[in-house]
Amino acid sequence: MNDDAPEAATITPYEDGPLLVRGDFVLRSPDGEVIDPGRSTVALCRCGLSAVKPFCDGTHKVRGFRAPGGGR
């Protein structure tokens, strides 16, 4: 295994919460502009209520958002 190879991105949906993205990824706006995530792991909003979209700000907890997690 090559230690210099980029780590493949993984996306994990958390039950009643955000999508956690880890690894090498590029985040873009609908116009194609690159969004600097500021870190290598980010939580993306999937409830649509975050004030800092596309990132999660925890609003899903207050508003009672429900969605399945990544488990089988």
C-alpha atoms as a PDB file:
ATOM      1  CA  MET A   1       0.000   0.000   0.000  1.00  0.00           C
ATOM      2  CA  ASN A   2       1.270   3.472  -0.881  1.00  0.00           C
ATOM      3  CA  ASP A   3       1.337   5.724   2.208  1.00  0.00           C
ATOM      4  CA  ASP A   4       1.271   8.806  -0.057  1.00  0.00           C
ATOM      5  CA  ALA A   5      -1.976   7.792  -1.767  1.00  0.00           C
ATOM      6  CA  PRO A   6      -4.959   9.971  -0.910  1.00  0.00           C
ATOM      7  CA  GLU A   7      -7.482   8.472   1.469  1.00  0.00           C
ATOM      8  CA  ALA A   8     -10.737   7.757  -0.314  1.00  0.00           C
ATOM      9  CA  ALA A   9     -13.615   9.873   0.925  1.00  0.00           C
ATOM     10  CA  THR A  10     -16.243   8.163   3.038  1.00  0.00           C
ATOM     11  CA  ILE A  11     -19.717   9.505   3.738  1.00  0.00           C
ATOM     12  CA  THR A  12     -21.528   8.248   6.816  1.00  0.00           C
ATOM     13  CA  PRO A  13     -25.144   9.214   7.485  1.00  0.00           C
ATOM     14  CA  TYR A  14     -25.782   9.570  11.202  1.00  0.00           C
ATOM     15  CA  GLU A  15     -29.202   8.601  12.510  1.00  0.00           C
ATOM     16  CA  ASP A  16     -31.314  11.736  12.932  1.00  0.00           C
ATOM     17  CA  GLY A  17     -28.258  13.838  12.087  1.00  0.00           C
ATOM     18  CA  PRO A  18     -25.786  14.992   9.467  1.00  0.00           C
ATOM     19  CA  LEU A  19     -23.709  13.296   6.821  1.00  0.00           C
ATOM     20  CA  LEU A  20     -20.138  12.952   8.075  1.00  0.00           C
ATOM     21  CA  VAL A  21     -17.578  13.229   5.263  1.00  0.00           C
ATOM     22  CA  ARG A  22     -14.013  12.029   5.908  1.00  0.00           C
ATOM     23  CA  GLY A  23     -10.958  11.676   3.688  1.00  0.00           C
ATOM     24  CA  ASP A  24      -9.983  13.476   0.503  1.00  0.00           C
ATOM     25  CA  PHE A  25     -12.876  15.370  -1.046  1.00  0.00           C
ATOM     26  CA  VAL A  26     -13.689  18.604  -2.821  1.00  0.00           C
ATOM     27  CA  LEU A  27     -16.807  20.443  -1.741  1.00  0.00           C
ATOM     28  CA  ARG A  28     -18.403  22.699  -4.372  1.00  0.00           C
ATOM     29  CA  SER A  29     -21.293  25.154  -4.454  1.00  0.00           C
ATOM     30  CA  PRO A  30     -24.087  24.713  -7.012  1.00  0.00           C
ATOM     31  CA  ASP A  31     -22.144  27.155  -9.274  1.00  0.00           C
ATOM     32  CA  GLY A  32     -19.022  24.977  -9.091  1.00  0.00           C
ATOM     33  CA  GLU A  33     -17.077  27.222  -6.721  1.00  0.00           C
ATOM     34  CA  VAL A  34     -14.868  25.334  -4.274  1.00  0.00           C
ATOM     35  CA  ILE A  35     -16.005  25.641  -0.643  1.00  0.00           C
ATOM     36  CA  ASP A  36     -13.113  25.438   1.816  1.00  0.00           C
ATOM     37  CA  PRO A  37     -14.303  23.106   4.574  1.00  0.00           C
ATOM     38  CA  GLY A  38     -11.490  24.193   6.890  1.00  0.00           C
ATOM     39  CA  ARG A  39     -10.823  20.602   7.978  1.00  0.00           C
ATOM     40  CA  SER A  40     -10.547  17.043   6.676  1.00  0.00           C
ATOM     41  CA  THR A  41     -13.758  15.824   8.352  1.00  0.00           C
ATOM     42  CA  VAL A  42     -16.998  17.760   7.969  1.00  0.00           C
ATOM     43  CA  ALA A  43     -20.624  17.315   8.974  1.00  0.00           C
ATOM     44  CA  LEU A  44     -23.007  18.234   6.167  1.00  0.00           C
ATOM     45  CA  CYS A  45     -26.572  19.278   6.916  1.00  0.00           C
ATOM     46  CA  ARG A  46     -29.290  16.946   5.699  1.00  0.00           C
ATOM     47  CA  CYS A  47     -32.262  18.433   7.540  1.00  0.00           C
ATOM     48  CA  GLY A  48     -32.179  21.659   5.501  1.00  0.00           C
ATOM     49  CA  LEU A  49     -32.443  23.887   8.582  1.00  0.00           C
ATOM     50  CA  SER A  50     -28.801  24.770   9.282  1.00  0.00           C
ATOM     51  CA  ALA A  51     -27.855  28.459   9.315  1.00  0.00           C
ATOM     52  CA  VAL A  52     -24.384  27.564   7.987  1.00  0.00           C
ATOM     53  CA  LYS A  53     -25.311  25.318   5.027  1.00  0.00           C
ATOM     54  CA  PRO A  54     -23.905  23.158   3.652  1.00  0.00           C
ATOM     55  CA  PHE A  55     -22.477  22.447   7.104  1.00  0.00           C
ATOM     56  CA  CYS A  56     -24.427  21.120  10.059  1.00  0.00           C
ATOM     57  CA  ASP A  57     -24.951  23.477  13.006  1.00  0.00           C
ATOM     58  CA  GLY A  58     -26.931  21.083  15.212  1.00  0.00           C
ATOM     59  CA  THR A  59     -30.355  22.563  14.423  1.00  0.00           C
ATOM     60  CA  HIS A  60     -31.615  19.060  13.590  1.00  0.00           C
ATOM     61  CA  LYS A  61     -31.584  18.215  17.305  1.00  0.00           C
ATOM     62  CA  VAL A  62     -33.744  21.178  18.295  1.00  0.00           C
ATOM     63  CA  ARG A  63     -36.216  20.693  15.443  1.00  0.00           C
ATOM     64  CA  GLY A  64     -36.587  16.920  15.871  1.00  0.00           C
ATOM     65  CA  PHE A  65     -35.266  15.909  12.441  1.00  0.00           C
ATOM     66  CA  ARG A  66     -35.592  12.161  11.845  1.00  0.00           C
ATOM     67  CA  ALA A  67     -33.741  10.103   9.256  1.00  0.00           C
ATOM     68  CA  PRO A  68     -32.127   6.675   9.271  1.00  0.00           C
ATOM     69  CA  GLY A  69     -28.431   6.224   9.912  1.00  0.00           C
ATOM     70  CA  GLY A  70     -25.931   4.197   7.969  1.00  0.00           C
ATOM     71  CA  GLY A  71     -26.573   0.912   9.738  1.00  0.00           C
ATOM     72  CA  ARG A  72     -28.105  -2.034   7.960  1.00  0.00           C
END
